[in-house]
Amino acid sequence: MNPKIERFWIAWGILLVIMVGCCLSEGWSEDAALLSGAYALSLLSTWLCHRIMPRVAYVNLIVMIVYNAILSYDLVFNSRYGAGITWWFYALLLNTVHFIVLIVFVIINVIKRKKIGNAR
């Protein structure tokens, strides 16, 4: 197997562990379900992007690990006095925006590839 592909899946697994740990640390509620849905869509979008452009997906995955690790830490350990809703909102917002941007990127690249393939 290609070492770059292995690194992608290791990073993907690390992000999965961060996300699962964050969602399960506070118990299961509607808020955790909404956040885990955003996390799942983010992971799905990186997988789809990996199928089209592996290098772009790997870079996006590293960026996602960084901001999700920071936000998850704050959500789990610094969420007293109402600050938890702030960290939860930022995690939800950033993962949702990242998902939308990656999906649009993948769709645009698939359309470009089909146009280039049909032009030949």
PDB file of N, CA and C in Angstrom:
ATOM      1  N   MET A   1       0.836  -1.175   0.000  1.00  0.00           N
ATOM      2  CA  MET A   1       0.000   0.000   0.000  1.00  0.00           C
ATOM      3  C   MET A   1       0.887   1.246   0.000  1.00  0.00           C
ATOM      4  N   ASN A   2       0.406   2.285  -0.593  1.00  0.00           N
ATOM      5  CA  ASN A   2       1.119   3.546  -0.693  1.00  0.00           C
ATOM      6  C   ASN A   2       1.246   4.205   0.687  1.00  0.00           C
ATOM      7  N   PRO A   3       2.451   4.651   1.082  1.00  0.00           N
ATOM      8  CA  PRO A   3       2.613   5.277   2.407  1.00  0.00           C
ATOM      9  C   PRO A   3       1.745   6.524   2.593  1.00  0.00           C
ATOM     10  N   LYS A   4       1.503   7.268   1.518  1.00  0.00           N
ATOM     11  CA  LYS A   4       0.656   8.460   1.626  1.00  0.00           C
ATOM     12  C   LYS A   4      -0.784   8.069   1.964  1.00  0.00           C
ATOM     13  N   ILE A   5      -1.243   6.977   1.397  1.00  0.00           N
ATOM     14  CA  ILE A   5      -2.596   6.509   1.675  1.00  0.00           C
ATOM     15  C   ILE A   5      -2.684   6.033   3.119  1.00  0.00           C
ATOM     16  N   GLU A   6      -1.655   5.344   3.590  1.00  0.00           N
ATOM     17  CA  GLU A   6      -1.638   4.885   4.974  1.00  0.00           C
ATOM     18  C   GLU A   6      -1.666   6.062   5.943  1.00  0.00           C
ATOM     19  N   ARG A   7      -0.904   7.106   5.643  1.00  0.00           N
ATOM     20  CA  ARG A   7      -0.912   8.290   6.508  1.00  0.00           C
ATOM     21  C   ARG A   7      -2.279   8.935   6.545  1.00  0.00           C
ATOM     22  N   PHE A   8      -2.966   8.956   5.407  1.00  0.00           N
ATOM     23  CA  PHE A   8      -4.311   9.515   5.375  1.00  0.00           C
ATOM     24  C   PHE A   8      -5.227   8.753   6.309  1.00  0.00           C
ATOM     25  N   TRP A   9      -5.190   7.422   6.240  1.00  0.00           N
ATOM     26  CA  TRP A   9      -6.090   6.627   7.069  1.00  0.00           C
ATOM     27  C   TRP A   9      -5.727   6.684   8.544  1.00  0.00           C
ATOM     28  N   ILE A  10      -4.460   6.840   8.863  1.00  0.00           N
ATOM     29  CA  ILE A  10      -4.057   7.024  10.256  1.00  0.00           C
ATOM     30  C   ILE A  10      -4.594   8.354  10.774  1.00  0.00           C
ATOM     31  N   ALA A  11      -4.438   9.414   9.989  1.00  0.00           N
ATOM     32  CA  ALA A  11      -4.959  10.724  10.388  1.00  0.00           C
ATOM     33  C   ALA A  11      -6.481  10.692  10.480  1.00  0.00           C
ATOM     34  N   TRP A  12      -7.128   9.990   9.562  1.00  0.00           N
ATOM     35  CA  TRP A  12      -8.589   9.869   9.579  1.00  0.00           C
ATOM     36  C   TRP A  12      -9.039   9.161  10.859  1.00  0.00           C
ATOM     37  N   GLY A  13      -8.312   8.122  11.241  1.00  0.00           N
ATOM     38  CA  GLY A  13      -8.625   7.398  12.472  1.00  0.00           C
ATOM     39  C   GLY A  13      -8.415   8.254  13.715  1.00  0.00           C
ATOM     40  N   ILE A  14      -7.361   9.061  13.729  1.00  0.00           N
ATOM     41  CA  ILE A  14      -7.123   9.969  14.845  1.00  0.00           C
ATOM     42  C   ILE A  14      -8.271  10.955  14.980  1.00  0.00           C
ATOM     43  N   LEU A  15      -8.702  11.510  13.860  1.00  0.00           N
ATOM     44  CA  LEU A  15      -9.829  12.447  13.894  1.00  0.00           C
ATOM     45  C   LEU A  15     -11.104  11.750  14.361  1.00  0.00           C
ATOM     46  N   LEU A  16     -11.307  10.523  13.949  1.00  0.00           N
ATOM     47  CA  LEU A  16     -12.468   9.763  14.390  1.00  0.00           C
ATOM     48  C   LEU A  16     -12.452   9.549  15.900  1.00  0.00           C
ATOM     49  N   VAL A  17     -11.293   9.230  16.447  1.00  0.00           N
ATOM     50  CA  VAL A  17     -11.173   9.028  17.895  1.00  0.00           C
ATOM     51  C   VAL A  17     -11.449  10.334  18.642  1.00  0.00           C
ATOM     52  N   ILE A  18     -10.921  11.441  18.135  1.00  0.00           N
ATOM     53  CA  ILE A  18     -11.183  12.741  18.763  1.00  0.00           C
ATOM     54  C   ILE A  18     -12.675  13.038  18.763  1.00  0.00           C
ATOM     55  N   MET A  19     -13.308  12.808  17.634  1.00  0.00           N
ATOM     56  CA  MET A  19     -14.729  13.123  17.516  1.00  0.00           C
ATOM     57  C   MET A  19     -15.595  12.229  18.394  1.00  0.00           C
ATOM     58  N   VAL A  20     -15.311  10.940  18.406  1.00  0.00           N
ATOM     59  CA  VAL A  20     -16.094  10.016  19.237  1.00  0.00           C
ATOM     60  C   VAL A  20     -15.881  10.327  20.711  1.00  0.00           C
ATOM     61  N   GLY A  21     -14.654  10.591  21.083  1.00  0.00           N
ATOM     62  CA  GLY A  21     -14.363  10.931  22.468  1.00  0.00           C
ATOM     63  C   GLY A  21     -15.062  12.194  22.921  1.00  0.00           C
ATOM     64  N   CYS A  22     -15.100  13.175  22.050  1.00  0.00           N
ATOM     65  CA  CYS A  22     -15.771  14.430  22.388  1.00  0.00           C
ATOM     66  C   CYS A  22     -17.270  14.219  22.560  1.00  0.00           C
ATOM     67  N   CYS A  23     -17.873  13.471  21.671  1.00  0.00           N
ATOM     68  CA  CYS A  23     -19.321  13.266  21.728  1.00  0.00           C
ATOM     69  C   CYS A  23     -19.731  12.404  22.916  1.00  0.00           C
ATOM     70  N   LEU A  24     -18.931  11.422  23.279  1.00  0.00           N
ATOM     71  CA  LEU A  24     -19.295  10.519  24.371  1.00  0.00           C
ATOM     72  C   LEU A  24     -18.898  11.031  25.745  1.00  0.00           C
ATOM     73  N   SER A  25     -18.061  12.043  25.801  1.00  0.00           N
ATOM     74  CA  SER A  25     -17.577  12.516  27.100  1.00  0.00           C
ATOM     75  C   SER A  25     -18.669  13.185  27.929  1.00  0.00           C
ATOM     76  N   GLU A  26     -19.593  13.829  27.296  1.00  0.00           N
ATOM     77  CA  GLU A  26     -20.639  14.552  28.015  1.00  0.00           C
ATOM     78  C   GLU A  26     -21.942  13.780  28.100  1.00  0.00           C
ATOM     79  N   GLY A  27     -21.972  12.573  27.614  1.00  0.00           N
ATOM     80  CA  GLY A  27     -23.222  11.818  27.600  1.00  0.00           C
ATOM     81  C   GLY A  27     -23.978  12.082  26.301  1.00  0.00           C
ATOM     82  N   TRP A  28     -24.920  11.229  26.021  1.00  0.00           N
ATOM     83  CA  TRP A  28     -25.643  11.332  24.757  1.00  0.00           C
ATOM     84  C   TRP A  28     -26.861  12.232  24.927  1.00  0.00           C
ATOM     85  N   SER A  29     -26.958  13.246  24.093  1.00  0.00           N
ATOM     86  CA  SER A  29     -28.092  14.164  24.110  1.00  0.00           C
ATOM     87  C   SER A  29     -28.346  14.625  22.686  1.00  0.00           C
ATOM     88  N   GLU A  30     -29.332  15.488  22.520  1.00  0.00           N
ATOM     89  CA  GLU A  30     -29.630  16.009  21.180  1.00  0.00           C
ATOM     90  C   GLU A  30     -28.452  16.836  20.662  1.00  0.00           C
ATOM     91  N   ASP A  31     -27.811  17.574  21.557  1.00  0.00           N
ATOM     92  CA  ASP A  31     -26.659  18.373  21.149  1.00  0.00           C
ATOM     93  C   ASP A  31     -25.516  17.487  20.673  1.00  0.00           C
ATOM     94  N   ALA A  32     -25.259  16.413  21.392  1.00  0.00           N
ATOM     95  CA  ALA A  32     -24.200  15.485  20.988  1.00  0.00           C
ATOM     96  C   ALA A  32     -24.552  14.798  19.677  1.00  0.00           C
ATOM     97  N   ALA A  33     -25.837  14.501  19.483  1.00  0.00           N
ATOM     98  CA  ALA A  33     -26.257  13.863  18.230  1.00  0.00           C
ATOM     99  C   ALA A  33     -26.059  14.811  17.049  1.00  0.00           C
ATOM    100  N   LEU A  34     -26.384  16.082  17.239  1.00  0.00           N
ATOM    101  CA  LEU A  34     -26.199  17.072  16.171  1.00  0.00           C
ATOM    102  C   LEU A  34     -24.715  17.255  15.853  1.00  0.00           C
ATOM    103  N   LEU A  35     -23.910  17.336  16.890  1.00  0.00           N
ATOM    104  CA  LEU A  35     -22.471  17.495  16.684  1.00  0.00           C
ATOM    105  C   LEU A  35     -21.858  16.251  16.047  1.00  0.00           C
ATOM    106  N   SER A  36     -22.310  15.076  16.458  1.00  0.00           N
ATOM    107  CA  SER A  36     -21.769  13.858  15.850  1.00  0.00           C
ATOM    108  C   SER A  36     -22.191  13.729  14.394  1.00  0.00           C
ATOM    109  N   GLY A  37     -23.357  14.238  14.047  1.00  0.00           N
ATOM    110  CA  GLY A  37     -23.766  14.267  12.641  1.00  0.00           C
ATOM    111  C   GLY A  37     -22.857  15.161  11.817  1.00  0.00           C
ATOM    112  N   ALA A  38     -22.513  16.323  12.356  1.00  0.00           N
ATOM    113  CA  ALA A  38     -21.578  17.221  11.662  1.00  0.00           C
ATOM    114  C   ALA A  38     -20.207  16.572  11.543  1.00  0.00           C
ATOM    115  N   TYR A  39     -19.774  15.888  12.599  1.00  0.00           N
ATOM    116  CA  TYR A  39     -18.500  15.172  12.545  1.00  0.00           C
ATOM    117  C   TYR A  39     -18.524  14.079  11.480  1.00  0.00           C
ATOM    118  N   ALA A  40     -19.601  13.329  11.422  1.00  0.00           N
ATOM    119  CA  ALA A  40     -19.709  12.244  10.440  1.00  0.00           C
ATOM    120  C   ALA A  40     -19.684  12.793   9.019  1.00  0.00           C
ATOM    121  N   LEU A  41     -20.372  13.894   8.788  1.00  0.00           N
ATOM    122  CA  LEU A  41     -20.358  14.496   7.453  1.00  0.00           C
ATOM    123  C   LEU A  41     -18.963  15.012   7.098  1.00  0.00           C
ATOM    124  N   SER A  42     -18.253  15.552   8.073  1.00  0.00           N
ATOM    125  CA  SER A  42     -16.882  16.007   7.823  1.00  0.00           C
ATOM    126  C   SER A  42     -15.978  14.844   7.434  1.00  0.00           C
ATOM    127  N   LEU A  43     -16.108  13.739   8.160  1.00  0.00           N
ATOM    128  CA  LEU A  43     -15.301  12.565   7.821  1.00  0.00           C
ATOM    129  C   LEU A  43     -15.675  12.006   6.457  1.00  0.00           C
ATOM    130  N   LEU A  44     -16.950  12.003   6.147  1.00  0.00           N
ATOM    131  CA  LEU A  44     -17.399  11.536   4.834  1.00  0.00           C
ATOM    132  C   LEU A  44     -16.854  12.420   3.721  1.00  0.00           C
ATOM    133  N   SER A  45     -16.871  13.720   3.922  1.00  0.00           N
ATOM    134  CA  SER A  45     -16.378  14.624   2.884  1.00  0.00           C
ATOM    135  C   SER A  45     -14.882  14.468   2.664  1.00  0.00           C
ATOM    136  N   THR A  46     -14.109  14.209   3.728  1.00  0.00           N
ATOM    137  CA  THR A  46     -12.675  13.993   3.523  1.00  0.00           C
ATOM    138  C   THR A  46     -12.423  12.685   2.784  1.00  0.00           C
ATOM    139  N   TRP A  47     -13.239  11.674   3.065  1.00  0.00           N
ATOM    140  CA  TRP A  47     -13.099  10.412   2.339  1.00  0.00           C
ATOM    141  C   TRP A  47     -13.415  10.598   0.855  1.00  0.00           C
ATOM    142  N   LEU A  48     -14.491  11.333   0.554  1.00  0.00           N
ATOM    143  CA  LEU A  48     -14.832  11.590  -0.849  1.00  0.00           C
ATOM    144  C   LEU A  48     -13.751  12.416  -1.541  1.00  0.00           C
ATOM    145  N   CYS A  49     -13.229  13.403  -0.837  1.00  0.00           N
ATOM    146  CA  CYS A  49     -12.156  14.219  -1.400  1.00  0.00           C
ATOM    147  C   CYS A  49     -10.905  13.371  -1.614  1.00  0.00           C
ATOM    148  N   HIS A  50     -10.659  12.416  -0.735  1.00  0.00           N
ATOM    149  CA  HIS A  50      -9.500  11.535  -0.870  1.00  0.00           C
ATOM    150  C   HIS A  50      -9.592  10.690  -2.148  1.00  0.00           C
ATOM    151  N   ARG A  51     -10.787  10.351  -2.532  1.00  0.00           N
ATOM    152  CA  ARG A  51     -10.968   9.576  -3.759  1.00  0.00           C
ATOM    153  C   ARG A  51     -10.662  10.405  -5.004  1.00  0.00           C
ATOM    154  N   ILE A  52     -10.860  11.715  -4.928  1.00  0.00           N
ATOM    155  CA  ILE A  52     -10.623  12.601  -6.074  1.00  0.00           C
ATOM    156  C   ILE A  52      -9.203  13.173  -6.049  1.00  0.00           C
ATOM    157  N   MET A  53      -8.825  13.785  -4.922  1.00  0.00           N
ATOM    158  CA  MET A  53      -7.509  14.417  -4.784  1.00  0.00           C
ATOM    159  C   MET A  53      -6.940  14.081  -3.398  1.00  0.00           C
ATOM    160  N   PRO A  54      -6.142  13.026  -3.295  1.00  0.00           N
ATOM    161  CA  PRO A  54      -5.645  12.575  -1.986  1.00  0.00           C
ATOM    162  C   PRO A  54      -4.829  13.613  -1.220  1.00  0.00           C
ATOM    163  N   ARG A  55      -4.017  14.377  -1.912  1.00  0.00           N
ATOM    164  CA  ARG A  55      -3.171  15.354  -1.226  1.00  0.00           C
ATOM    165  C   ARG A  55      -4.005  16.453  -0.576  1.00  0.00           C
ATOM    166  N   VAL A  56      -5.001  16.938  -1.282  1.00  0.00           N
ATOM    167  CA  VAL A  56      -5.893  17.969  -0.746  1.00  0.00           C
ATOM    168  C   VAL A  56      -6.656  17.418   0.460  1.00  0.00           C
ATOM    169  N   ALA A  57      -7.101  16.181   0.368  1.00  0.00           N
ATOM    170  CA  ALA A  57      -7.830  15.568   1.478  1.00  0.00           C
ATOM    171  C   ALA A  57      -6.939  15.426   2.699  1.00  0.00           C
ATOM    172  N   TYR A  58      -5.695  15.051   2.508  1.00  0.00           N
ATOM    173  CA  TYR A  58      -4.775  14.884   3.629  1.00  0.00           C
ATOM    174  C   TYR A  58      -4.519  16.218   4.328  1.00  0.00           C
ATOM    175  N   VAL A  59      -4.293  17.272   3.559  1.00  0.00           N
ATOM    176  CA  VAL A  59      -4.069  18.597   4.144  1.00  0.00           C
ATOM    177  C   VAL A  59      -5.320  19.055   4.906  1.00  0.00           C
ATOM    178  N   ASN A  60      -6.493  18.861   4.325  1.00  0.00           N
ATOM    179  CA  ASN A  60      -7.726  19.234   5.007  1.00  0.00           C
ATOM    180  C   ASN A  60      -7.925  18.430   6.279  1.00  0.00           C
ATOM    181  N   LEU A  61      -7.543  17.178   6.251  1.00  0.00           N
ATOM    182  CA  LEU A  61      -7.671  16.332   7.430  1.00  0.00           C
ATOM    183  C   LEU A  61      -6.767  16.814   8.559  1.00  0.00           C
ATOM    184  N   ILE A  62      -5.556  17.225   8.238  1.00  0.00           N
ATOM    185  CA  ILE A  62      -4.641  17.756   9.251  1.00  0.00           C
ATOM    186  C   ILE A  62      -5.216  19.038   9.851  1.00  0.00           C
ATOM    187  N   VAL A  63      -5.753  19.914   9.019  1.00  0.00           N
ATOM    188  CA  VAL A  63      -6.375  21.151   9.511  1.00  0.00           C
ATOM    189  C   VAL A  63      -7.554  20.819  10.417  1.00  0.00           C
ATOM    190  N   MET A  64      -8.365  19.851  10.021  1.00  0.00           N
ATOM    191  CA  MET A  64      -9.513  19.458  10.836  1.00  0.00           C
ATOM    192  C   MET A  64      -9.077  18.866  12.172  1.00  0.00           C
ATOM    193  N   ILE A  65      -8.007  18.092  12.179  1.00  0.00           N
ATOM    194  CA  ILE A  65      -7.508  17.530  13.436  1.00  0.00           C
ATOM    195  C   ILE A  65      -7.097  18.650  14.382  1.00  0.00           C
ATOM    196  N   VAL A  66      -6.424  19.658  13.863  1.00  0.00           N
ATOM    197  CA  VAL A  66      -5.951  20.755  14.709  1.00  0.00           C
ATOM    198  C   VAL A  66      -7.123  21.495  15.343  1.00  0.00           C
ATOM    199  N   TYR A  67      -8.064  21.978  14.531  1.00  0.00           N
ATOM    200  CA  TYR A  67      -9.121  22.776  15.149  1.00  0.00           C
ATOM    201  C   TYR A  67     -10.104  21.924  15.935  1.00  0.00           C
ATOM    202  N   ASN A  68     -10.313  20.660  15.564  1.00  0.00           N
ATOM    203  CA  ASN A  68     -11.199  19.814  16.359  1.00  0.00           C
ATOM    204  C   ASN A  68     -10.554  19.398  17.679  1.00  0.00           C
ATOM    205  N   ALA A  69      -9.253  19.214  17.697  1.00  0.00           N
ATOM    206  CA  ALA A  69      -8.578  18.887  18.961  1.00  0.00           C
ATOM    207  C   ALA A  69      -8.693  20.055  19.941  1.00  0.00           C
ATOM    208  N   ILE A  70      -8.497  21.255  19.454  1.00  0.00           N
ATOM    209  CA  ILE A  70      -8.607  22.439  20.314  1.00  0.00           C
ATOM    210  C   ILE A  70     -10.035  22.612  20.805  1.00  0.00           C
ATOM    211  N   LEU A  71     -10.988  22.547  19.898  1.00  0.00           N
ATOM    212  CA  LEU A  71     -12.381  22.741  20.292  1.00  0.00           C
ATOM    213  C   LEU A  71     -12.894  21.602  21.172  1.00  0.00           C
ATOM    214  N   SER A  72     -12.475  20.387  20.897  1.00  0.00           N
ATOM    215  CA  SER A  72     -12.905  19.257  21.722  1.00  0.00           C
ATOM    216  C   SER A  72     -12.337  19.362  23.130  1.00  0.00           C
ATOM    217  N   TYR A  73     -11.093  19.763  23.225  1.00  0.00           N
ATOM    218  CA  TYR A  73     -10.498  19.956  24.554  1.00  0.00           C
ATOM    219  C   TYR A  73     -11.280  21.005  25.334  1.00  0.00           C
ATOM    220  N   ASP A  74     -11.548  22.134  24.691  1.00  0.00           N
ATOM    221  CA  ASP A  74     -12.301  23.185  25.365  1.00  0.00           C
ATOM    222  C   ASP A  74     -13.714  22.743  25.695  1.00  0.00           C
ATOM    223  N   LEU A  75     -14.335  21.991  24.825  1.00  0.00           N
ATOM    224  CA  LEU A  75     -15.695  21.525  25.078  1.00  0.00           C
ATOM    225  C   LEU A  75     -15.742  20.558  26.258  1.00  0.00           C
ATOM    226  N   VAL A  76     -14.757  19.702  26.365  1.00  0.00           N
ATOM    227  CA  VAL A  76     -14.769  18.706  27.433  1.00  0.00           C
ATOM    228  C   VAL A  76     -14.266  19.286  28.758  1.00  0.00           C
ATOM    229  N   PHE A  77     -13.198  20.073  28.723  1.00  0.00           N
ATOM    230  CA  PHE A  77     -12.556  20.494  29.971  1.00  0.00           C
ATOM    231  C   PHE A  77     -12.814  21.949  30.366  1.00  0.00           C
ATOM    232  N   ASN A  78     -13.213  22.795  29.447  1.00  0.00           N
ATOM    233  CA  ASN A  78     -13.431  24.212  29.760  1.00  0.00           C
ATOM    234  C   ASN A  78     -14.861  24.637  29.462  1.00  0.00           C
ATOM    235  N   SER A  79     -15.811  23.831  29.824  1.00  0.00           N
ATOM    236  CA  SER A  79     -17.194  24.144  29.464  1.00  0.00           C
ATOM    237  C   SER A  79     -18.057  24.558  30.652  1.00  0.00           C
ATOM    238  N   ARG A  80     -17.452  25.119  31.650  1.00  0.00           N
ATOM    239  CA  ARG A  80     -18.245  25.567  32.798  1.00  0.00           C
ATOM    240  C   ARG A  80     -18.723  27.012  32.584  1.00  0.00           C
ATOM    241  N   TYR A  81     -19.727  27.378  33.337  1.00  0.00           N
ATOM    242  CA  TYR A  81     -20.306  28.727  33.307  1.00  0.00           C
ATOM    243  C   TYR A  81     -20.860  29.098  31.932  1.00  0.00           C
ATOM    244  N   GLY A  82     -21.365  28.136  31.214  1.00  0.00           N
ATOM    245  CA  GLY A  82     -21.996  28.409  29.929  1.00  0.00           C
ATOM    246  C   GLY A  82     -21.056  28.501  28.746  1.00  0.00           C
ATOM    247  N   ALA A  83     -19.767  28.296  28.943  1.00  0.00           N
ATOM    248  CA  ALA A  83     -18.817  28.372  27.835  1.00  0.00           C
ATOM    249  C   ALA A  83     -18.932  27.165  26.921  1.00  0.00           C
ATOM    250  N   GLY A  84     -19.516  26.076  27.415  1.00  0.00           N
ATOM    251  CA  GLY A  84     -19.639  24.864  26.611  1.00  0.00           C
ATOM    252  C   GLY A  84     -20.452  25.074  25.358  1.00  0.00           C
ATOM    253  N   ILE A  85     -21.493  25.896  25.445  1.00  0.00           N
ATOM    254  CA  ILE A  85     -22.321  26.159  24.260  1.00  0.00           C
ATOM    255  C   ILE A  85     -21.519  26.903  23.189  1.00  0.00           C
ATOM    256  N   THR A  86     -20.586  27.734  23.619  1.00  0.00           N
ATOM    257  CA  THR A  86     -19.735  28.448  22.667  1.00  0.00           C
ATOM    258  C   THR A  86     -18.835  27.469  21.918  1.00  0.00           C
ATOM    259  N   TRP A  87     -18.172  26.571  22.665  1.00  0.00           N
ATOM    260  CA  TRP A  87     -17.282  25.599  22.024  1.00  0.00           C
ATOM    261  C   TRP A  87     -18.071  24.632  21.148  1.00  0.00           C
ATOM    262  N   TRP A  88     -19.246  24.234  21.616  1.00  0.00           N
ATOM    263  CA  TRP A  88     -20.104  23.346  20.841  1.00  0.00           C
ATOM    264  C   TRP A  88     -20.513  24.023  19.536  1.00  0.00           C
ATOM    265  N   PHE A  89     -20.907  25.290  19.622  1.00  0.00           N
ATOM    266  CA  PHE A  89     -21.326  26.024  18.428  1.00  0.00           C
ATOM    267  C   PHE A  89     -20.183  26.163  17.428  1.00  0.00           C
ATOM    268  N   TYR A  90     -18.987  26.512  17.910  1.00  0.00           N
ATOM    269  CA  TYR A  90     -17.844  26.639  17.001  1.00  0.00           C
ATOM    270  C   TYR A  90     -17.487  25.305  16.356  1.00  0.00           C
ATOM    271  N   ALA A  91     -17.543  24.226  17.111  1.00  0.00           N
ATOM    272  CA  ALA A  91     -17.258  22.902  16.542  1.00  0.00           C
ATOM    273  C   ALA A  91     -18.296  22.546  15.481  1.00  0.00           C
ATOM    274  N   LEU A  92     -19.557  22.819  15.781  1.00  0.00           N
ATOM    275  CA  LEU A  92     -20.623  22.536  14.826  1.00  0.00           C
ATOM    276  C   LEU A  92     -20.480  23.398  13.579  1.00  0.00           C
ATOM    277  N   LEU A  93     -20.229  24.677  13.768  1.00  0.00           N
ATOM    278  CA  LEU A  93     -20.112  25.610  12.641  1.00  0.00           C
ATOM    279  C   LEU A  93     -18.912  25.274  11.754  1.00  0.00           C
ATOM    280  N   LEU A  94     -17.746  25.091  12.356  1.00  0.00           N
ATOM    281  CA  LEU A  94     -16.549  24.827  11.552  1.00  0.00           C
ATOM    282  C   LEU A  94     -16.644  23.506  10.798  1.00  0.00           C
ATOM    283  N   ASN A  95     -17.158  22.473  11.447  1.00  0.00           N
ATOM    284  CA  ASN A  95     -17.276  21.185  10.759  1.00  0.00           C
ATOM    285  C   ASN A  95     -18.321  21.238   9.653  1.00  0.00           C
ATOM    286  N   THR A  96     -19.407  21.956   9.866  1.00  0.00           N
ATOM    287  CA  THR A  96     -20.422  22.078   8.821  1.00  0.00           C
ATOM    288  C   THR A  96     -19.895  22.869   7.632  1.00  0.00           C
ATOM    289  N   VAL A  97     -19.229  23.978   7.896  1.00  0.00           N
ATOM    290  CA  VAL A  97     -18.659  24.787   6.807  1.00  0.00           C
ATOM    291  C   VAL A  97     -17.588  23.997   6.069  1.00  0.00           C
ATOM    292  N   HIS A  98     -16.745  23.275   6.810  1.00  0.00           N
ATOM    293  CA  HIS A  98     -15.697  22.471   6.175  1.00  0.00           C
ATOM    294  C   HIS A  98     -16.317  21.389   5.283  1.00  0.00           C
ATOM    295  N   PHE A  99     -17.375  20.764   5.768  1.00  0.00           N
ATOM    296  CA  PHE A  99     -18.079  19.756   4.981  1.00  0.00           C
ATOM    297  C   PHE A  99     -18.615  20.364   3.683  1.00  0.00           C
ATOM    298  N   ILE A 100     -19.288  21.484   3.769  1.00  0.00           N
ATOM    299  CA  ILE A 100     -19.886  22.111   2.581  1.00  0.00           C
ATOM    300  C   ILE A 100     -18.814  22.508   1.579  1.00  0.00           C
ATOM    301  N   VAL A 101     -17.737  23.107   2.065  1.00  0.00           N
ATOM    302  CA  VAL A 101     -16.650  23.533   1.162  1.00  0.00           C
ATOM    303  C   VAL A 101     -16.014  22.338   0.472  1.00  0.00           C
ATOM    304  N   LEU A 102     -15.750  21.256   1.213  1.00  0.00           N
ATOM    305  CA  LEU A 102     -15.144  20.080   0.595  1.00  0.00           C
ATOM    306  C   LEU A 102     -16.079  19.410  -0.413  1.00  0.00           C
ATOM    307  N   ILE A 103     -17.358  19.347  -0.113  1.00  0.00           N
ATOM    308  CA  ILE A 103     -18.306  18.746  -1.060  1.00  0.00           C
ATOM    309  C   ILE A 103     -18.396  19.576  -2.333  1.00  0.00           C
ATOM    310  N   VAL A 104     -18.446  20.895  -2.197  1.00  0.00           N
ATOM    311  CA  VAL A 104     -18.471  21.757  -3.385  1.00  0.00           C
ATOM    312  C   VAL A 104     -17.183  21.576  -4.188  1.00  0.00           C
ATOM    313  N   PHE A 105     -16.044  21.490  -3.501  1.00  0.00           N
ATOM    314  CA  PHE A 105     -14.763  21.263  -4.163  1.00  0.00           C
ATOM    315  C   PHE A 105     -14.764  19.949  -4.942  1.00  0.00           C
ATOM    316  N   VAL A 106     -15.266  18.897  -4.324  1.00  0.00           N
ATOM    317  CA  VAL A 106     -15.318  17.586  -4.978  1.00  0.00           C
ATOM    318  C   VAL A 106     -16.242  17.637  -6.188  1.00  0.00           C
ATOM    319  N   ILE A 107     -17.397  18.254  -6.052  1.00  0.00           N
ATOM    320  CA  ILE A 107     -18.347  18.339  -7.175  1.00  0.00           C
ATOM    321  C   ILE A 107     -17.745  19.115  -8.331  1.00  0.00           C
ATOM    322  N   ILE A 108     -17.098  20.224  -8.038  1.00  0.00           N
ATOM    323  CA  ILE A 108     -16.474  21.027  -9.101  1.00  0.00           C
ATOM    324  C   ILE A 108     -15.382  20.233  -9.805  1.00  0.00           C
ATOM    325  N   ASN A 109     -14.566  19.512  -9.057  1.00  0.00           N
ATOM    326  CA  ASN A 109     -13.497  18.731  -9.680  1.00  0.00           C
ATOM    327  C   ASN A 109     -14.029  17.563 -10.493  1.00  0.00           C
ATOM    328  N   VAL A 110     -15.104  16.941 -10.043  1.00  0.00           N
ATOM    329  CA  VAL A 110     -15.706  15.850 -10.827  1.00  0.00           C
ATOM    330  C   VAL A 110     -16.269  16.402 -12.132  1.00  0.00           C
ATOM    331  N   ILE A 111     -16.922  17.540 -12.073  1.00  0.00           N
ATOM    332  CA  ILE A 111     -17.472  18.158 -13.289  1.00  0.00           C
ATOM    333  C   ILE A 111     -16.340  18.530 -14.242  1.00  0.00           C
ATOM    334  N   LYS A 112     -15.246  19.098 -13.710  1.00  0.00           N
ATOM    335  CA  LYS A 112     -14.105  19.447 -14.551  1.00  0.00           C
ATOM    336  C   LYS A 112     -13.517  18.222 -15.232  1.00  0.00           C
ATOM    337  N   ARG A 113     -13.371  17.139 -14.475  1.00  0.00           N
ATOM    338  CA  ARG A 113     -12.801  15.916 -15.046  1.00  0.00           C
ATOM    339  C   ARG A 113     -13.705  15.335 -16.130  1.00  0.00           C
ATOM    340  N   LYS A 114     -15.010  15.411 -15.940  1.00  0.00           N
ATOM    341  CA  LYS A 114     -15.917  14.890 -16.952  1.00  0.00           C
ATOM    342  C   LYS A 114     -15.878  15.753 -18.207  1.00  0.00           C
ATOM    343  N   LYS A 115     -15.760  17.075 -18.051  1.00  0.00           N
ATOM    344  CA  LYS A 115     -15.654  17.949 -19.213  1.00  0.00           C
ATOM    345  C   LYS A 115     -14.367  17.704 -19.978  1.00  0.00           C
ATOM    346  N   ILE A 116     -13.271  17.517 -19.239  1.00  0.00           N
ATOM    347  CA  ILE A 116     -11.981  17.248 -19.894  1.00  0.00           C
ATOM    348  C   ILE A 116     -12.039  15.886 -20.580  1.00  0.00           C
ATOM    349  N   GLY A 117     -12.657  14.914 -19.944  1.00  0.00           N
ATOM    350  CA  GLY A 117     -12.788  13.580 -20.541  1.00  0.00           C
ATOM    351  C   GLY A 117     -13.664  13.589 -21.770  1.00  0.00           C
ATOM    352  N   ASN A 118     -14.724  14.397 -21.808  1.00  0.00           N
ATOM    353  CA  ASN A 118     -15.614  14.475 -22.960  1.00  0.00           C
ATOM    354  C   ASN A 118     -15.022  15.308 -24.088  1.00  0.00           C
ATOM    355  N   ALA A 119     -14.084  16.212 -23.775  1.00  0.00           N
ATOM    356  CA  ALA A 119     -13.481  17.062 -24.788  1.00  0.00           C
ATOM    357  C   ALA A 119     -12.509  16.299 -25.670  1.00  0.00           C
ATOM    358  N   ARG A 120     -11.987  15.213 -25.179  1.00  0.00           N
ATOM    359  CA  ARG A 120     -11.015  14.441 -25.961  1.00  0.00           C
ATOM    360  C   ARG A 120     -11.695  13.662 -26.980  1.00  0.00           C
TER     361      ARG A 120
END
